[in-house]
Amino acid sequence: MKPEDLERLISTEMPFGKHEGTPIADLPGYYLSWFARKGFPRGELGRLLALMHEIDHNGLRGLLEPLRRMHGRR
């Protein structure tokens, strides 16, 4: 993981599905867990979803709050 990956979680939106347009950092845990069970997409999107799943699974979503404030989200 690179430090800029955390910023990408805030700025990258889900490009498809039920949560299309939602920043990856705001995706619900059950959705991230579904991807973990079924398989993450290939490429950058899959890498970011897997990272967000790890953050969520380990109860570390609070780490993203300072970045959210910097980007004017929530």
Protein backbone atom coordinates (compact mmCIF):
# COMPACT_ATOMS: atom_id res chain seq x y z
CA MET A 1 0.00 0.00 0.00
CA LYS A 2 1.17 3.49 -0.85
CA PRO A 3 0.04 6.56 1.13
CA GLU A 4 -1.75 7.93 -1.92
CA ASP A 5 -3.90 4.77 -2.00
CA LEU A 6 -5.83 6.10 0.99
CA GLU A 7 -6.64 9.26 -0.95
CA ARG A 8 -7.76 7.13 -3.90
CA LEU A 9 -10.24 5.36 -1.62
CA ILE A 10 -11.86 8.75 -0.97
CA SER A 11 -11.74 10.05 -4.54
CA THR A 12 -12.45 6.92 -6.63
CA GLU A 13 -16.10 6.08 -7.18
CA MET A 14 -17.56 2.65 -7.77
CA PRO A 15 -18.05 2.50 -11.55
CA PHE A 16 -20.86 -0.08 -11.68
CA GLY A 17 -23.51 -1.98 -9.76
CA LYS A 18 -25.88 -1.10 -6.96
CA HIS A 19 -23.42 1.40 -5.47
CA GLU A 20 -22.36 3.05 -8.73
CA GLY A 21 -21.06 6.57 -8.03
CA THR A 22 -20.32 5.87 -4.35
CA PRO A 23 -16.74 6.57 -3.22
CA ILE A 24 -14.98 3.31 -2.44
CA ALA A 25 -14.37 4.55 1.11
CA ASP A 26 -18.16 4.81 1.60
CA LEU A 27 -19.08 1.34 0.36
CA PRO A 28 -20.85 -0.75 3.01
CA GLY A 29 -18.93 -3.54 4.67
CA TYR A 30 -21.34 -6.23 3.47
CA TYR A 31 -20.67 -5.21 -0.15
CA LEU A 32 -16.90 -5.34 0.36
CA SER A 33 -17.26 -8.75 2.04
CA TRP A 34 -19.30 -9.99 -0.92
CA PHE A 35 -16.43 -9.08 -3.24
CA ALA A 36 -13.97 -10.79 -0.88
CA ARG A 37 -16.00 -14.00 -1.14
CA LYS A 38 -16.76 -13.84 -4.87
CA GLY A 39 -13.49 -12.29 -6.05
CA PHE A 40 -12.36 -8.72 -6.53
CA PRO A 41 -12.27 -7.28 -10.05
CA ARG A 42 -8.90 -7.21 -11.77
CA GLY A 43 -6.70 -4.17 -11.86
CA GLU A 44 -6.69 -0.97 -9.85
CA LEU A 45 -10.36 -1.15 -8.87
CA GLY A 46 -9.95 -4.63 -7.40
CA ARG A 47 -6.83 -3.58 -5.54
CA LEU A 48 -8.62 -0.60 -3.99
CA LEU A 49 -11.68 -2.66 -3.08
CA ALA A 50 -9.45 -5.26 -1.40
CA LEU A 51 -7.65 -2.52 0.52
CA MET A 52 -10.95 -1.00 1.66
CA HIS A 53 -12.17 -4.44 2.69
CA GLU A 54 -9.10 -4.88 4.91
CA ILE A 55 -9.58 -1.43 6.43
CA ASP A 56 -13.26 -2.12 7.11
CA HIS A 57 -12.71 -5.67 8.36
CA ASN A 58 -10.14 -4.45 10.87
CA GLY A 59 -12.29 -1.56 12.11
CA LEU A 60 -9.97 1.12 10.75
CA ARG A 61 -12.39 3.31 8.78
CA GLY A 62 -11.60 6.16 11.18
CA LEU A 63 -8.16 6.45 9.59
CA LEU A 64 -9.84 7.95 6.53
CA GLU A 65 -11.63 10.76 8.40
CA PRO A 66 -8.79 13.32 8.16
CA LEU A 67 -8.60 12.71 4.42
CA ARG A 68 -12.37 13.08 4.09
CA ARG A 69 -12.20 16.49 5.75
CA MET A 70 -9.33 17.53 3.46
CA HIS A 71 -11.43 16.58 0.45
CA GLY A 72 -14.60 18.19 1.83
CA ARG A 73 -16.48 14.91 2.23
CA ARG A 74 -18.53 14.32 5.33
